[in-house]
Amino acid sequence: MGPADFGTTVYIKGDDYWYHFWLLCIPPTAADTAGQDAFKTQCQDVFSQILASFEIR
């Protein structure tokens, strides 16, 4: 992975099964440094919103 790439994996234990959530964001190669950083930040924000949507018991 490059310096502006963002990737993560999460295992979520359900009542009966385990779930695997994997996310990889690779910014456009033609983007300048500021564009790559903005893309990475946006990807991290989306990832945070997805995780926040899960019900934790």
Protein backbone atom coordinates (compact mmCIF):
# COMPACT_ATOMS: atom_id res chain seq x y z
CA MET A 1 0.00 0.00 0.00
CA GLY A 2 1.10 3.54 -0.68
CA PRO A 3 1.31 6.36 1.86
CA ALA A 4 -2.10 7.79 0.89
CA ASP A 5 -3.87 4.42 0.78
CA PHE A 6 -6.26 3.48 3.57
CA GLY A 7 -7.12 -0.10 4.34
CA THR A 8 -8.59 -1.91 7.29
CA THR A 9 -10.34 -5.11 8.21
CA VAL A 10 -12.84 -5.66 11.00
CA TYR A 11 -14.28 -8.88 12.38
CA ILE A 12 -17.74 -8.54 13.88
CA LYS A 13 -19.20 -11.23 16.11
CA GLY A 14 -22.90 -11.74 15.58
CA ASP A 15 -25.27 -13.93 17.57
CA ASP A 16 -24.60 -16.95 15.36
CA TYR A 17 -21.85 -15.96 12.93
CA TRP A 18 -18.71 -13.90 12.57
CA TYR A 19 -18.72 -11.24 9.87
CA HIS A 20 -15.71 -9.87 8.04
CA PHE A 21 -15.75 -6.26 6.85
CA TRP A 22 -12.85 -5.18 4.68
CA LEU A 23 -12.29 -1.76 3.16
CA LEU A 24 -9.47 -0.55 0.93
CA CYS A 25 -9.33 2.94 -0.53
CA ILE A 26 -6.67 3.81 -3.07
CA PRO A 27 -6.71 7.41 -4.26
CA PRO A 28 -6.48 8.21 -7.97
CA THR A 29 -2.87 8.00 -9.12
CA ALA A 30 -3.21 11.23 -11.10
CA ALA A 31 -4.19 13.20 -7.97
CA ASP A 32 -1.70 15.55 -6.38
CA THR A 33 -0.69 15.13 -2.73
CA ALA A 34 -3.51 17.36 -1.46
CA GLY A 35 -6.05 15.41 -3.52
CA GLN A 36 -4.74 12.08 -2.27
CA ASP A 37 -4.87 13.28 1.34
CA ALA A 38 -8.45 14.55 0.87
CA PHE A 39 -9.45 11.20 -0.63
CA LYS A 40 -7.91 9.31 2.30
CA THR A 41 -9.69 11.56 4.82
CA GLN A 42 -13.02 11.05 3.04
CA CYS A 43 -12.51 7.27 3.03
CA GLN A 44 -11.73 7.25 6.75
CA ASP A 45 -14.85 9.33 7.44
CA VAL A 46 -17.03 6.88 5.48
CA PHE A 47 -15.45 3.96 7.33
CA SER A 48 -16.18 5.63 10.68
CA GLN A 49 -19.81 6.21 9.68
CA ILE A 50 -20.22 2.56 8.67
CA LEU A 51 -18.78 1.29 11.96
CA ALA A 52 -20.92 3.74 13.94
CA SER A 53 -24.04 2.30 12.30
CA PHE A 54 -23.59 -1.11 13.96
CA GLU A 55 -25.54 -1.90 17.10
CA ILE A 56 -23.23 -2.79 19.95
CA ARG A 57 -24.62 -5.03 22.67
